[in-house]
Amino acid sequence: MARGPKNPYQRYKKLERPEIKPARTTLWEYPSANYGKGRQGDTKYRGQTPSFVIWQVLQRWTKKGDVVLDPFCGSGTSLDVCQDLSRKGIGFDLAPTRDDIGAADARALPLDDDAVDHAFFDPPYADNLVYSDDPACIGRTRADDGSWHKAMEDVVTELSRVVRPGGIIAAYVQDVMKPEGFFPLGLELAMLMGGQLVFVDHVCVVRRNKALENERQLQKTADKLARGFNHLLVFANRAA
């Protein structure tokens, strides 16, 4: 009987940039950070959003010509996907990495009311990663003292202001396991968004990467489970 690889993630090493096509279920898997022959964003940027996640969101819930906002633009992955799909991307970040990304706090965007059609955001998962020395950085907030929750509440309020009524607001977020405990940021953000927006869908995105394998190794001696998936939360802005 043929046996599979001892490392369950080994089989994904051969699947570099597989064909991307519209998802048909709420369980998504994709082993590469990028799709196609080009590159979306910068794979060296810590916390880069897998471009296929953004592609799926835009392909399913937006149309050509729509204006799509990313208030945590990072290395510009969302802007590159927007260009691929003939959407108009607008990106902001507290620490811009490219000329086409504006400098702004996601809680106070330099945009008029109803200025964009949709928004996609992948925020810092509390202080899980260091993004900036700026004291205003949401990546310096904590999951255990309410500061991350308050920051996300302000972000969602701001997005509901700048996104047109009925427009999609999608969030990509990961739960966090720290020595001081487990913090279900996905559930927390879903409940927070549900208080202001209209629920559309919830997708689980399987993590198939080196970071997960490192977590699995660290968890071998601990009575804890490594985070095996990220949440994609899709909501619609309420009508005015």
Protein backbone atom coordinates (compact mmCIF):
# COMPACT_ATOMS: atom_id res chain seq x y z
CA MET A 1 0.00 0.00 0.00
CA ALA A 2 1.38 3.42 -0.96
CA ARG A 3 2.06 5.69 1.93
CA GLY A 4 1.87 9.46 2.03
CA PRO A 5 4.72 11.72 3.19
CA LYS A 6 5.58 11.67 6.89
CA ASN A 7 5.20 15.43 6.96
CA PRO A 8 1.58 16.21 5.97
CA TYR A 9 2.72 19.57 4.57
CA GLN A 10 5.37 18.06 2.29
CA ARG A 11 2.91 17.48 -0.53
CA TYR A 12 2.28 21.21 -0.76
CA LYS A 13 5.91 21.96 -1.59
CA LYS A 14 5.28 20.70 -5.14
CA LEU A 15 2.11 22.74 -5.59
CA GLU A 16 3.55 26.15 -6.32
CA ARG A 17 0.91 28.55 -7.55
CA PRO A 18 -1.78 26.09 -8.58
CA GLU A 19 -4.62 27.23 -10.81
CA ILE A 20 -6.89 29.73 -9.14
CA LYS A 21 -10.62 29.45 -9.71
CA PRO A 22 -13.74 30.64 -7.88
CA ALA A 23 -14.32 28.78 -4.61
CA ARG A 24 -17.46 26.67 -4.23
CA THR A 25 -17.37 26.01 -0.48
CA THR A 26 -16.55 27.97 2.68
CA LEU A 27 -13.32 25.98 3.21
CA TRP A 28 -10.43 27.41 1.20
CA GLU A 29 -6.94 25.96 0.72
CA TYR A 30 -4.07 27.41 -1.26
CA PRO A 31 -0.39 26.66 -0.58
CA SER A 32 1.22 29.70 -2.25
CA ALA A 33 1.20 33.36 -1.21
CA ASN A 34 0.83 34.44 -4.84
CA TYR A 35 -1.09 33.25 -7.90
CA GLY A 36 -0.33 33.27 -11.62
CA LYS A 37 3.06 34.13 -13.11
CA GLY A 38 3.36 37.55 -11.50
CA ARG A 39 3.57 38.68 -7.91
CA GLN A 40 1.01 40.39 -5.72
CA GLY A 41 2.49 42.36 -2.84
CA ASP A 42 5.78 41.30 -1.26
CA THR A 43 6.24 37.80 0.17
CA LYS A 44 9.00 39.16 2.43
CA TYR A 45 6.51 41.44 4.17
CA ARG A 46 5.59 39.95 7.53
CA GLY A 47 1.88 39.35 7.74
CA GLN A 48 1.27 39.43 3.98
CA THR A 49 -2.29 38.48 3.09
CA PRO A 50 -2.45 35.52 0.64
CA SER A 51 -3.43 37.18 -2.62
CA PHE A 52 -5.82 34.37 -3.53
CA VAL A 53 -8.02 35.31 -0.54
CA ILE A 54 -8.40 38.84 -1.87
CA TRP A 55 -8.93 37.48 -5.39
CA GLN A 56 -11.77 35.25 -4.19
CA VAL A 57 -13.46 38.11 -2.32
CA LEU A 58 -13.26 40.50 -5.25
CA GLN A 59 -14.27 37.86 -7.80
CA ARG A 60 -17.36 36.86 -5.84
CA TRP A 61 -18.62 40.07 -4.23
CA THR A 62 -17.45 42.92 -6.48
CA LYS A 63 -17.55 43.78 -10.18
CA LYS A 64 -15.25 45.42 -12.72
CA GLY A 65 -14.81 49.13 -12.15
CA ASP A 66 -15.71 48.99 -8.43
CA VAL A 67 -13.59 51.01 -6.00
CA VAL A 68 -12.10 48.78 -3.30
CA LEU A 69 -10.46 50.16 -0.16
CA ASP A 70 -7.75 48.48 1.93
CA PRO A 71 -7.03 50.51 5.10
CA PHE A 72 -4.23 48.14 6.22
CA CYS A 73 -2.54 47.92 2.83
CA GLY A 74 0.84 46.54 3.96
CA SER A 75 2.93 45.66 0.91
CA GLY A 76 0.11 46.46 -1.54
CA THR A 77 -1.22 42.96 -2.25
CA SER A 78 -4.82 44.14 -2.53
CA LEU A 79 -3.86 46.90 -4.97
CA ASP A 80 -2.16 44.38 -7.26
CA VAL A 81 -5.17 42.04 -7.15
CA CYS A 82 -7.48 44.96 -7.93
CA GLN A 83 -5.39 45.74 -10.99
CA ASP A 84 -5.54 42.11 -12.13
CA LEU A 85 -9.33 42.10 -11.83
CA SER A 86 -9.99 45.58 -13.26
CA ARG A 87 -11.07 47.07 -9.95
CA LYS A 88 -9.83 50.42 -8.67
CA GLY A 89 -7.81 49.84 -5.50
CA ILE A 90 -7.28 52.52 -2.85
CA GLY A 91 -4.81 51.70 -0.09
CA PHE A 92 -3.75 53.33 3.17
CA ASP A 93 -1.36 52.27 5.88
CA LEU A 94 0.17 53.86 8.96
CA ALA A 95 3.60 52.96 7.52
CA PRO A 96 3.28 52.95 3.70
CA THR A 97 5.67 50.69 1.77
CA ARG A 98 4.87 51.95 -1.75
CA ASP A 99 4.15 55.26 -3.47
CA ASP A 100 0.60 54.18 -4.33
CA ILE A 101 -0.28 53.64 -0.65
CA GLY A 102 -1.42 56.69 1.31
CA ALA A 103 -0.37 57.40 4.89
CA ALA A 104 -3.37 57.21 7.22
CA ASP A 105 -4.75 55.56 10.32
CA ALA A 106 -7.55 53.10 9.52
CA ARG A 107 -9.63 54.78 12.22
CA ALA A 108 -9.47 58.22 10.54
CA LEU A 109 -9.37 57.87 6.75
CA PRO A 110 -9.06 60.94 4.47
CA LEU A 111 -12.17 59.95 2.51
CA ASP A 112 -15.68 61.37 2.15
CA ASP A 113 -18.76 59.48 3.27
CA ASP A 114 -19.76 56.69 0.85
CA ALA A 115 -16.55 57.29 -1.11
CA VAL A 116 -15.83 53.64 -2.00
CA ASP A 117 -17.85 50.62 -3.08
CA HIS A 118 -16.23 47.96 -0.90
CA ALA A 119 -13.46 47.37 1.63
CA PHE A 120 -11.14 44.51 2.49
CA PHE A 121 -8.91 44.57 5.56
CA ASP A 122 -6.36 42.31 7.22
CA PRO A 123 -5.60 44.09 10.51
CA PRO A 124 -2.82 43.40 13.01
CA TYR A 125 -3.81 40.49 15.23
CA ALA A 126 -3.29 42.59 18.34
CA ASP A 127 0.45 42.61 19.21
CA ASN A 128 1.14 39.28 17.51
CA LEU A 129 3.63 40.97 15.10
CA VAL A 130 5.54 44.25 15.25
CA TYR A 131 4.71 46.45 12.27
CA SER A 132 5.74 49.93 13.37
CA ASP A 133 7.28 51.93 16.20
CA ASP A 134 4.41 54.39 15.90
CA PRO A 135 2.53 54.40 19.24
CA ALA A 136 -0.72 54.75 17.27
CA CYS A 137 -0.11 51.41 15.50
CA ILE A 138 -2.91 48.92 16.16
CA GLY A 139 -0.16 46.29 16.15
CA ARG A 140 0.79 47.64 19.57
CA THR A 141 -2.65 47.01 21.09
CA ARG A 142 -3.35 43.97 23.23
CA ALA A 143 -5.96 41.23 23.06
CA ASP A 144 -6.20 40.85 26.83
CA ASP A 145 -6.94 44.42 27.94
CA GLY A 146 -9.64 45.51 25.49
CA SER A 147 -7.41 47.88 23.49
CA TRP A 148 -7.49 45.73 20.32
CA HIS A 149 -11.27 45.41 20.57
CA LYS A 150 -11.70 49.20 20.91
CA ALA A 151 -9.37 49.81 17.95
CA MET A 152 -11.32 47.36 15.77
CA GLU A 153 -14.61 48.92 16.81
CA ASP A 154 -13.31 52.30 15.62
CA VAL A 155 -12.04 50.76 12.35
CA VAL A 156 -15.40 49.16 11.57
CA THR A 157 -17.22 52.41 12.37
CA GLU A 158 -14.92 54.30 10.00
CA LEU A 159 -15.34 51.72 7.24
CA SER A 160 -19.12 51.84 7.57
CA ARG A 161 -18.81 55.60 7.01
CA VAL A 162 -16.69 55.52 3.84
CA VAL A 163 -18.21 52.40 2.20
CA ARG A 164 -21.45 53.00 0.31
CA PRO A 165 -24.67 51.47 1.68
CA GLY A 166 -24.85 47.81 0.73
CA GLY A 167 -21.14 47.60 -0.08
CA ILE A 168 -19.09 44.62 1.11
CA ILE A 169 -16.72 44.94 4.08
CA ALA A 170 -14.56 41.83 4.43
CA ALA A 171 -12.04 41.07 7.19
CA TYR A 172 -9.27 38.46 7.27
CA VAL A 173 -8.18 37.62 10.82
CA GLN A 174 -6.39 34.94 12.82
CA ASP A 175 -6.95 33.78 16.39
CA VAL A 176 -3.94 34.18 18.68
CA MET A 177 -2.37 31.75 21.13
CA LYS A 178 0.00 33.32 23.63
CA PRO A 179 1.58 32.11 26.89
CA GLU A 180 -1.04 34.10 28.78
CA GLY A 181 -3.90 32.41 26.97
CA PHE A 182 -5.98 31.87 23.83
CA PHE A 183 -7.66 34.87 22.21
CA PRO A 184 -10.41 34.09 19.65
CA LEU A 185 -10.02 37.28 17.63
CA GLY A 186 -12.08 35.87 14.77
CA LEU A 187 -15.13 35.38 16.97
CA GLU A 188 -14.56 38.71 18.68
CA LEU A 189 -14.34 40.60 15.39
CA ALA A 190 -17.34 38.75 13.94
CA MET A 191 -19.51 39.77 16.89
CA LEU A 192 -18.22 43.33 16.74
CA MET A 193 -18.89 43.66 13.00
CA GLY A 194 -22.28 42.03 13.41
CA GLY A 195 -23.30 44.87 15.72
CA GLN A 196 -22.87 47.43 12.92
CA LEU A 197 -23.12 45.50 9.65
CA VAL A 198 -25.17 42.77 7.93
CA PHE A 199 -23.70 39.25 7.93
CA VAL A 200 -23.01 37.76 4.48
CA ASP A 201 -20.65 34.80 4.95
CA HIS A 202 -17.89 33.21 7.03
CA VAL A 203 -15.03 31.31 5.36
CA CYS A 204 -12.27 29.22 6.97
CA VAL A 205 -8.93 29.55 5.15
CA VAL A 206 -6.57 26.64 5.90
CA ARG A 207 -3.03 27.71 6.79
CA ARG A 208 -0.49 25.72 4.77
CA ASN A 209 2.78 27.53 5.36
CA LYS A 210 6.11 27.53 7.18
CA ALA A 211 4.73 29.59 10.06
CA LEU A 212 2.16 26.92 10.85
CA GLU A 213 4.80 24.17 10.71
CA ASN A 214 6.95 26.16 13.16
CA GLU A 215 3.96 26.51 15.49
CA ARG A 216 3.32 22.76 15.29
CA GLN A 217 6.89 22.09 16.39
CA LEU A 218 6.57 24.51 19.31
CA GLN A 219 3.28 22.96 20.41
CA LYS A 220 4.63 19.39 20.62
CA THR A 221 5.55 19.81 24.27
CA ALA A 222 2.52 21.91 25.19
CA ASP A 223 -1.11 21.05 25.71
CA LYS A 224 -2.20 23.52 23.02
CA LEU A 225 -3.28 23.35 19.39
CA ALA A 226 -1.53 25.39 16.71
CA ARG A 227 -3.83 27.73 14.78
CA GLY A 228 -4.73 25.79 11.63
CA PHE A 229 -6.96 28.31 9.86
CA ASN A 230 -7.76 31.99 9.48
CA HIS A 231 -11.21 33.55 9.42
CA LEU A 232 -12.61 35.45 6.46
CA LEU A 233 -15.59 37.48 7.67
CA VAL A 234 -17.81 38.99 5.00
CA PHE A 235 -20.41 41.62 5.86
CA ALA A 236 -22.45 44.21 3.95
CA ASN A 237 -22.75 47.81 5.00
CA ARG A 238 -26.19 48.77 6.23
CA ALA A 239 -28.34 50.97 4.06
CA ALA A 240 -28.47 54.60 5.09
